[in-house]
Amino acid sequence: MRKKITLIIVILSALFLLIWAFTPTAIQVETVTIERGYFERCVEDDGWTRVRDRYVIYAPVTGHLLRTKLREGDAVKRGNTVATIFPLKPPFLDERAVLERRERVRSLEANARAAEVNVERAQLALRQAEIDLQRNEHLFERHFISASAVETFRLTKQLRQKELANSEKIAQSASHSLAEARIGLLTTPERSQIALRPSLVTSPVTGRVLRIPQPSENIVTMGTPLVEVGNPSQLEVLVELLTEDATEVQPGMIARLSHWGGSRELEARVRLIEPSAFTKISALGVEEQRVNVILDITSPTDDWKNLGDRFRVDIKIPVQTADDALMVPVGALFPMGSRYGLYLAEDKRAKLTRVDVIARNGQQAWIRSDLKPGVQAVAYPPAKLTDGDRISPVPN
């Protein structure tokens, strides 16, 4: 009898072990709660601040820029001098060039003297024509000569006047050429500085110095940026959005600025979406089409007084919201054809359920379903999990 009892116990133990060995174990999973609440989908990107009206002051002439006494942050008023540019000094001449210019000066001096002689000759010819005209007019009054003869002498006088005027112009031209050649002999810096006046570059507006690209003494060409001036208390925010995100943004939308250095988020408003996009290479080497979006900060100025020009900020622009949305964490969803699926945790079993996703953000998905708030769903379901499998929720 005892042997039979022992045999029965052994058989039952073996059967139990066999059933336990072939019974699938529960899969440990994390669970999340499906709930109703406020849903928000935002267009997010990073941008930077910039002065709204920036004035870049350029060099109006080519010359020698003196070292500026201004520093970034200095206040300037409209009309204040921000840079001083002297004309470039002529280069030094070697001995051969000096000798050539001296000979040219002598040649031009001879031309000037010859021009003066021609002026004197023209003056004498005009004087002779005036005397001849006066004599013949007396003869005409006495009827010794005809009127046509007198007219000839008058025309001769006008011709001599024109010749004198032309000779004087030629003499003036020779004089100026001689003066130009003599200036070319001013070879030393001390002599070349004579009559050279500096160009004073002034600020067009009242503001503060934002940047000085040329702080030191240097030779600059026309169009070189010298100083940037603006009002740092009048800031705007620039963000380069992907074109597919920018199509959802409209002027007047509210935006939030974070991670700018302050303890609270700032509010802003979209002012402009530029009409033309541009190509930008991402950090991964991918070509992206982006467009500039401009925002105005609407928070009180005292809340962001420490912000400056070109400060980095994170930007969120809500483009879709719902006050009473049925939401589930995006980690619980997986695609199933044109819809999405999730596993519900019911009676320690995984129940496959299909849902429609209306919208999603980085954390939550707004779904359309008959599910009730408070239902538990499996987060990040393992690939081996199937409908009806036993599950063991892991405490969060």
Protein backbone atom coordinates (compact mmCIF):
# COMPACT_ATOMS: atom_id res chain seq x y z
CA MET A 1 0.00 0.00 0.00
CA ARG A 2 2.82 2.31 0.91
CA LYS A 3 4.51 1.54 -2.37
CA LYS A 4 1.38 2.48 -4.30
CA ILE A 5 1.13 5.83 -2.49
CA THR A 6 4.78 6.56 -3.17
CA LEU A 7 4.33 5.67 -6.86
CA ILE A 8 1.29 7.93 -7.15
CA ILE A 9 3.21 10.82 -5.57
CA VAL A 10 6.12 10.33 -7.96
CA ILE A 11 3.80 10.20 -10.98
CA LEU A 12 1.94 13.36 -9.89
CA SER A 13 5.22 15.20 -9.25
CA ALA A 14 6.52 14.23 -12.66
CA LEU A 15 3.25 15.31 -14.28
CA PHE A 16 3.38 18.63 -12.44
CA LEU A 17 6.95 19.20 -13.51
CA LEU A 18 6.05 18.33 -17.10
CA ILE A 19 3.10 20.76 -17.12
CA TRP A 20 5.22 23.47 -15.52
CA ALA A 21 7.99 22.97 -18.06
CA PHE A 22 5.70 23.33 -21.08
CA THR A 23 3.53 26.13 -19.68
CA PRO A 24 4.69 29.52 -21.17
CA THR A 25 6.05 31.96 -18.62
CA ALA A 26 4.60 35.44 -18.17
CA ILE A 27 6.42 38.18 -20.08
CA GLN A 28 7.53 41.09 -17.93
CA VAL A 29 6.33 44.40 -19.40
CA GLU A 30 5.97 48.02 -18.41
CA THR A 31 2.51 49.53 -18.43
CA VAL A 32 1.19 53.03 -19.00
CA THR A 33 -2.21 54.58 -18.42
CA ILE A 34 -4.57 55.77 -21.12
CA GLU A 35 -6.02 59.09 -19.98
CA ARG A 36 -7.91 62.15 -21.09
CA GLY A 37 -6.45 65.63 -20.89
CA TYR A 38 -4.98 68.56 -22.74
CA PHE A 39 -3.12 67.59 -25.92
CA GLU A 40 -0.69 69.85 -27.72
CA ARG A 41 1.40 69.31 -30.83
CA CYS A 42 4.15 71.83 -31.42
CA VAL A 43 6.61 72.71 -34.14
CA GLU A 44 9.94 72.75 -32.31
CA ASP A 45 13.35 74.00 -33.31
CA ASP A 46 16.18 76.13 -32.02
CA GLY A 47 16.71 79.73 -33.05
CA TRP A 48 18.50 82.83 -31.94
CA THR A 49 17.78 86.43 -31.08
CA ARG A 50 18.86 89.38 -33.17
CA VAL A 51 18.51 93.14 -33.01
CA ARG A 52 15.49 94.17 -35.05
CA ASP A 53 17.12 97.15 -36.78
CA ARG A 54 20.81 96.50 -37.29
CA TYR A 55 22.96 99.10 -39.05
CA VAL A 56 26.25 97.96 -40.54
CA ILE A 57 28.48 100.99 -41.19
CA TYR A 58 30.82 100.49 -44.14
CA ALA A 59 33.93 102.33 -45.22
CA PRO A 60 32.87 105.01 -47.74
CA VAL A 61 36.39 105.31 -49.21
CA THR A 62 39.58 103.32 -49.50
CA GLY A 63 42.18 104.51 -47.03
CA HIS A 64 44.06 104.19 -43.77
CA LEU A 65 41.69 103.37 -40.90
CA LEU A 66 42.76 104.63 -37.48
CA ARG A 67 42.29 102.47 -34.39
CA THR A 68 38.86 103.07 -32.91
CA LYS A 69 38.30 104.01 -29.28
CA LEU A 70 34.85 102.41 -29.21
CA ARG A 71 34.12 99.08 -27.56
CA GLU A 72 31.22 96.64 -27.91
CA GLY A 73 28.35 97.93 -25.78
CA ASP A 74 29.31 101.60 -25.92
CA ALA A 75 26.45 104.01 -26.49
CA VAL A 76 26.56 106.19 -29.59
CA LYS A 77 24.32 108.99 -30.78
CA ARG A 78 23.31 109.87 -34.28
CA GLY A 79 26.10 111.86 -35.91
CA ASN A 80 28.86 110.64 -33.56
CA THR A 81 32.13 109.73 -35.25
CA VAL A 82 32.71 105.97 -35.16
CA ALA A 83 35.72 105.73 -37.49
CA THR A 84 38.38 107.96 -39.05
CA ILE A 85 39.90 107.15 -42.45
CA PHE A 86 42.87 109.01 -43.93
CA PRO A 87 43.63 108.90 -47.65
CA LEU A 88 46.36 106.48 -48.60
CA LYS A 89 49.85 107.99 -48.73
CA PRO A 90 51.53 107.82 -52.13
CA PRO A 91 54.16 105.10 -52.49
CA PHE A 92 57.88 105.91 -52.21
CA LEU A 93 59.65 106.53 -55.51
CA ASP A 94 62.98 104.99 -56.46
CA GLU A 95 65.75 107.13 -57.92
CA ARG A 96 64.91 106.33 -61.52
CA ALA A 97 61.22 107.23 -61.07
CA VAL A 98 62.22 110.51 -59.40
CA LEU A 99 64.52 111.41 -62.30
CA GLU A 100 61.79 110.57 -64.84
CA ARG A 101 59.25 112.75 -63.03
CA ARG A 102 61.69 115.63 -62.76
CA GLU A 103 62.33 115.52 -66.48
CA ARG A 104 58.60 115.44 -67.10
CA VAL A 105 58.22 118.51 -64.87
CA ARG A 106 60.87 120.34 -66.94
CA SER A 107 59.06 119.34 -70.13
CA LEU A 108 55.76 120.63 -68.81
CA GLU A 109 57.44 123.84 -67.63
CA ALA A 110 58.65 124.42 -71.22
CA ASN A 111 55.13 123.74 -72.52
CA ALA A 112 53.71 126.21 -70.00
CA ARG A 113 56.19 128.92 -71.09
CA ALA A 114 55.36 128.26 -74.74
CA ALA A 115 51.66 128.55 -73.92
CA GLU A 116 52.27 131.88 -72.19
CA VAL A 117 54.13 133.12 -75.27
CA ASN A 118 51.17 132.10 -77.45
CA VAL A 119 48.85 134.04 -75.13
CA GLU A 120 51.04 137.12 -75.49
CA ARG A 121 51.10 136.68 -79.28
CA ALA A 122 47.30 136.39 -79.34
CA GLN A 123 46.97 139.50 -77.20
CA LEU A 124 49.20 141.50 -79.58
CA ALA A 125 47.27 140.21 -82.58
CA LEU A 126 43.98 141.26 -80.93
CA ARG A 127 45.42 144.69 -80.16
CA GLN A 128 46.49 145.12 -83.79
CA ALA A 129 43.02 144.05 -84.99
CA GLU A 130 41.37 146.63 -82.71
CA ILE A 131 43.66 149.40 -84.04
CA ASP A 132 42.98 148.41 -87.67
CA LEU A 133 39.23 148.34 -87.06
CA GLN A 134 39.30 151.77 -85.38
CA ARG A 135 41.32 153.32 -88.24
CA ASN A 136 39.09 151.89 -90.96
CA GLU A 137 35.90 152.99 -89.17
CA HIS A 138 37.21 156.63 -89.38
CA LEU A 139 37.92 156.14 -93.08
CA PHE A 140 34.43 154.74 -93.61
CA GLU A 141 32.91 157.78 -91.90
CA ARG A 142 34.75 159.96 -94.45
CA HIS A 143 33.58 157.72 -97.30
CA PHE A 144 37.06 156.59 -98.27
CA ILE A 145 36.29 152.84 -97.97
CA SER A 146 33.21 150.67 -98.35
CA ALA A 147 31.07 149.13 -95.60
CA SER A 148 32.14 145.62 -96.62
CA ALA A 149 35.77 146.47 -95.89
CA VAL A 150 34.87 147.65 -92.39
CA GLU A 151 32.92 144.43 -91.78
CA THR A 152 35.99 142.43 -92.74
CA PHE A 153 38.05 144.16 -90.05
CA ARG A 154 35.31 143.55 -87.47
CA LEU A 155 35.33 139.85 -88.26
CA THR A 156 39.10 139.85 -88.00
CA LYS A 157 38.84 141.35 -84.50
CA GLN A 158 36.36 138.60 -83.41
CA LEU A 159 38.68 135.96 -84.79
CA ARG A 160 41.60 137.36 -82.78
CA GLN A 161 39.42 137.35 -79.62
CA LYS A 162 38.64 133.65 -80.15
CA GLU A 163 42.31 132.90 -80.71
CA LEU A 164 43.19 134.69 -77.48
CA ALA A 165 40.57 132.75 -75.49
CA ASN A 166 41.82 129.46 -76.95
CA SER A 167 45.43 130.35 -76.10
CA GLU A 168 44.45 131.17 -72.53
CA LYS A 169 42.70 127.78 -72.15
CA ILE A 170 45.77 126.01 -73.49
CA ALA A 171 47.94 127.94 -71.02
CA GLN A 172 45.65 127.00 -68.12
CA SER A 173 45.77 123.33 -69.12
CA ALA A 174 49.57 123.44 -69.28
CA SER A 175 49.67 125.09 -65.86
CA HIS A 176 47.46 122.39 -64.31
CA SER A 177 49.50 119.59 -65.90
CA LEU A 178 52.63 121.15 -64.48
CA ALA A 179 51.10 121.37 -61.01
CA GLU A 180 50.02 117.71 -61.21
CA ALA A 181 53.54 116.63 -62.17
CA ARG A 182 55.04 118.62 -59.30
CA ILE A 183 52.66 116.91 -56.82
CA GLY A 184 53.99 113.58 -58.07
CA LEU A 185 57.41 114.56 -56.72
CA LEU A 186 56.12 114.68 -53.13
CA THR A 187 57.80 111.42 -52.17
CA THR A 188 58.13 111.66 -48.38
CA PRO A 189 55.20 110.93 -45.97
CA GLU A 190 55.61 114.35 -44.36
CA ARG A 191 55.24 116.20 -47.64
CA SER A 192 52.52 113.87 -48.98
CA GLN A 193 50.35 114.51 -45.90
CA ILE A 194 49.95 118.15 -46.94
CA ALA A 195 46.30 119.03 -47.70
CA LEU A 196 45.10 115.46 -47.06
CA ARG A 197 42.00 115.56 -44.88
CA PRO A 198 40.52 112.51 -43.11
CA SER A 199 37.04 111.14 -43.80
CA LEU A 200 34.95 111.02 -40.62
CA VAL A 201 32.48 108.10 -40.59
CA THR A 202 29.45 108.86 -38.41
CA SER A 203 26.66 106.77 -36.91
CA PRO A 204 23.30 107.04 -38.74
CA VAL A 205 21.25 106.24 -35.60
CA THR A 206 21.32 106.39 -31.81
CA GLY A 207 22.02 103.03 -30.19
CA ARG A 208 24.83 100.81 -28.95
CA VAL A 209 27.83 99.28 -30.61
CA LEU A 210 27.05 95.62 -31.27
CA ARG A 211 30.20 94.55 -33.06
CA ILE A 212 33.43 96.04 -34.36
CA PRO A 213 34.80 93.95 -37.26
CA GLN A 214 37.82 96.30 -37.66
CA PRO A 215 39.00 97.27 -34.15
CA SER A 216 42.65 97.92 -35.07
CA GLU A 217 44.44 100.29 -37.40
CA ASN A 218 44.37 98.89 -40.89
CA ILE A 219 44.20 99.61 -44.60
CA VAL A 220 40.58 99.19 -45.70
CA THR A 221 38.88 99.26 -49.07
CA MET A 222 35.58 100.88 -49.91
CA GLY A 223 32.72 98.74 -48.59
CA THR A 224 34.61 97.15 -45.69
CA PRO A 225 32.31 96.76 -42.61
CA LEU A 226 33.60 98.91 -39.76
CA VAL A 227 30.97 99.01 -36.98
CA GLU A 228 27.55 97.47 -36.32
CA VAL A 229 25.11 99.66 -34.39
CA GLY A 230 21.64 98.86 -33.05
CA ASN A 231 19.34 98.94 -30.05
CA PRO A 232 19.76 95.67 -28.04
CA SER A 233 16.50 96.29 -26.16
CA GLN A 234 14.56 95.79 -29.42
CA LEU A 235 15.04 92.10 -30.13
CA GLU A 236 13.32 89.64 -32.41
CA VAL A 237 13.75 85.88 -32.73
CA LEU A 238 14.78 84.11 -35.91
CA VAL A 239 14.16 80.38 -36.43
CA GLU A 240 14.90 78.35 -39.54
CA LEU A 241 12.01 75.88 -39.85
CA LEU A 242 11.71 72.98 -42.23
CA THR A 243 9.33 73.93 -45.01
CA GLU A 244 6.92 71.10 -44.12
CA ASP A 245 6.71 72.47 -40.57
CA ALA A 246 6.49 76.09 -41.69
CA THR A 247 3.33 75.35 -43.72
CA GLU A 248 1.51 74.73 -40.43
CA VAL A 249 2.61 78.03 -38.91
CA GLN A 250 0.61 81.20 -39.45
CA PRO A 251 1.37 84.84 -38.53
CA GLY A 252 -0.12 85.69 -35.15
CA MET A 253 0.42 82.26 -33.60
CA ILE A 254 1.68 82.14 -30.01
CA ALA A 255 5.13 80.66 -29.37
CA ARG A 256 7.10 79.75 -26.26
CA LEU A 257 10.83 80.36 -25.76
CA SER A 258 12.79 78.15 -23.39
CA HIS A 259 16.39 77.28 -22.50
CA TRP A 260 17.45 80.88 -23.02
CA GLY A 261 19.08 81.19 -19.60
CA GLY A 262 16.12 82.40 -17.55
CA SER A 263 14.03 80.51 -15.00
CA ARG A 264 10.77 80.80 -16.93
CA GLU A 265 9.53 80.47 -20.45
CA LEU A 266 8.99 83.57 -22.55
CA GLU A 267 6.04 84.22 -24.79
CA ALA A 268 6.38 85.34 -28.38
CA ARG A 269 4.21 85.80 -31.44
CA VAL A 270 4.88 84.85 -35.05
CA ARG A 271 5.23 88.03 -37.12
CA LEU A 272 6.47 86.82 -40.49
CA ILE A 273 7.10 83.66 -42.50
CA GLU A 274 9.45 84.65 -45.28
CA PRO A 275 8.11 83.73 -48.74
CA SER A 276 11.34 82.20 -50.04
CA ALA A 277 13.09 79.10 -48.67
CA PHE A 278 16.74 78.10 -48.90
CA THR A 279 18.80 74.92 -48.86
CA LYS A 280 20.79 74.06 -45.75
CA ILE A 281 23.06 71.09 -45.05
CA SER A 282 22.28 69.41 -41.73
CA ALA A 283 24.86 68.05 -39.30
CA LEU A 284 24.36 64.62 -40.90
CA GLY A 285 25.08 65.97 -44.36
CA VAL A 286 21.44 65.93 -45.52
CA GLU A 287 20.10 68.72 -47.72
CA GLU A 288 17.10 70.40 -46.10
CA GLN A 289 14.75 73.06 -47.36
CA ARG A 290 14.23 75.63 -44.64
CA VAL A 291 12.55 79.02 -44.35
CA ASN A 292 13.09 81.90 -41.93
CA VAL A 293 10.31 82.59 -39.42
CA ILE A 294 10.44 85.83 -37.41
CA LEU A 295 8.92 86.13 -33.93
CA ASP A 296 8.37 89.11 -31.65
CA ILE A 297 8.86 88.66 -27.90
CA THR A 298 5.64 89.64 -26.10
CA SER A 299 6.74 88.97 -22.50
CA PRO A 300 7.55 92.06 -20.38
CA THR A 301 10.98 93.48 -21.13
CA ASP A 302 12.08 93.04 -17.51
CA ASP A 303 11.67 89.27 -17.87
CA TRP A 304 14.28 89.05 -20.63
CA LYS A 305 16.51 92.06 -20.01
CA ASN A 306 19.56 89.75 -19.85
CA LEU A 307 18.98 88.53 -23.40
CA GLY A 308 21.32 89.94 -26.01
CA ASP A 309 21.99 89.81 -29.71
CA ARG A 310 22.51 86.31 -31.22
CA PHE A 311 21.53 84.42 -28.05
CA ARG A 312 20.31 80.86 -28.62
CA VAL A 313 16.74 79.87 -27.61
CA ASP A 314 14.50 76.82 -27.99
CA ILE A 315 11.21 77.57 -29.72
CA LYS A 316 7.86 75.78 -29.52
CA ILE A 317 4.93 76.88 -31.68
CA PRO A 318 1.66 75.02 -30.86
CA VAL A 319 -0.06 74.13 -34.14
CA GLN A 320 -2.70 71.65 -32.89
CA THR A 321 -4.41 71.49 -29.49
CA ALA A 322 -7.35 69.69 -27.84
CA ASP A 323 -8.75 70.19 -24.32
CA ASP A 324 -10.35 66.73 -23.79
CA ALA A 325 -8.30 64.31 -25.86
CA LEU A 326 -7.91 60.59 -25.28
CA MET A 327 -4.15 60.12 -25.05
CA VAL A 328 -1.69 57.27 -24.80
CA PRO A 329 2.13 57.47 -24.65
CA VAL A 330 3.65 57.03 -28.11
CA GLY A 331 5.83 54.20 -26.81
CA ALA A 332 2.76 51.95 -26.53
CA LEU A 333 1.82 52.27 -30.22
CA PHE A 334 3.08 50.35 -33.22
CA PRO A 335 1.92 50.52 -36.87
CA MET A 336 -0.59 48.01 -38.19
CA GLY A 337 -1.27 48.81 -41.83
CA SER A 338 -3.09 52.12 -42.08
CA ARG A 339 -3.90 52.11 -38.36
CA TYR A 340 -1.99 51.66 -35.12
CA GLY A 341 -2.11 48.92 -32.56
CA LEU A 342 -1.47 48.60 -28.84
CA TYR A 343 -1.66 45.88 -26.20
CA LEU A 344 -3.99 46.35 -23.27
CA ALA A 345 -3.07 44.77 -19.95
CA GLU A 346 -6.25 42.91 -18.87
CA ASP A 347 -6.22 40.11 -16.28
CA LYS A 348 -2.49 39.65 -16.76
CA ARG A 349 -3.04 39.01 -20.44
CA ALA A 350 -2.06 41.08 -23.47
CA LYS A 351 -5.06 42.09 -25.56
CA LEU A 352 -4.37 43.46 -29.03
CA THR A 353 -6.44 46.55 -29.87
CA ARG A 354 -6.47 48.74 -33.00
CA VAL A 355 -6.81 52.51 -32.71
CA ASP A 356 -6.74 55.56 -34.98
CA VAL A 357 -4.10 58.21 -34.28
CA ILE A 358 -5.36 61.76 -34.82
CA ALA A 359 -2.12 63.49 -33.91
CA ARG A 360 1.04 62.90 -31.92
CA ASN A 361 3.85 64.79 -30.31
CA GLY A 362 7.07 63.64 -28.75
CA GLN A 363 5.40 62.06 -25.70
CA GLN A 364 1.68 61.55 -26.25
CA ALA A 365 -0.57 60.40 -29.09
CA TRP A 366 -4.14 61.63 -29.48
CA ILE A 367 -6.20 58.58 -30.44
CA ARG A 368 -9.75 57.85 -31.55
CA SER A 369 -11.10 54.79 -29.73
CA ASP A 370 -13.82 53.48 -27.41
CA LEU A 371 -11.28 52.84 -24.67
CA LYS A 372 -11.99 54.30 -21.25
CA PRO A 373 -9.55 56.50 -19.36
CA GLY A 374 -7.54 54.63 -16.75
CA VAL A 375 -7.00 51.50 -18.86
CA GLN A 376 -3.49 50.09 -18.70
CA ALA A 377 -1.52 49.55 -21.91
CA VAL A 378 1.80 47.86 -22.53
CA ALA A 379 4.64 50.30 -23.09
CA TYR A 380 7.32 49.38 -25.61
CA PRO A 381 5.84 45.91 -26.31
CA PRO A 382 8.49 43.24 -26.99
CA ALA A 383 8.65 41.79 -30.49
CA LYS A 384 7.74 38.30 -29.17
CA LEU A 385 4.56 39.53 -27.48
CA THR A 386 1.36 38.34 -29.16
CA ASP A 387 -2.34 38.64 -28.49
CA GLY A 388 -3.38 36.66 -25.41
CA ASP A 389 0.12 36.14 -23.97
CA ARG A 390 0.53 36.17 -20.23
CA ILE A 391 2.21 39.29 -18.97
CA SER A 392 3.68 40.38 -15.69
CA PRO A 393 3.56 44.15 -15.22
CA VAL A 394 6.77 45.62 -13.82
CA PRO A 395 6.25 48.39 -11.27
CA ASN A 396 7.32 51.77 -12.67
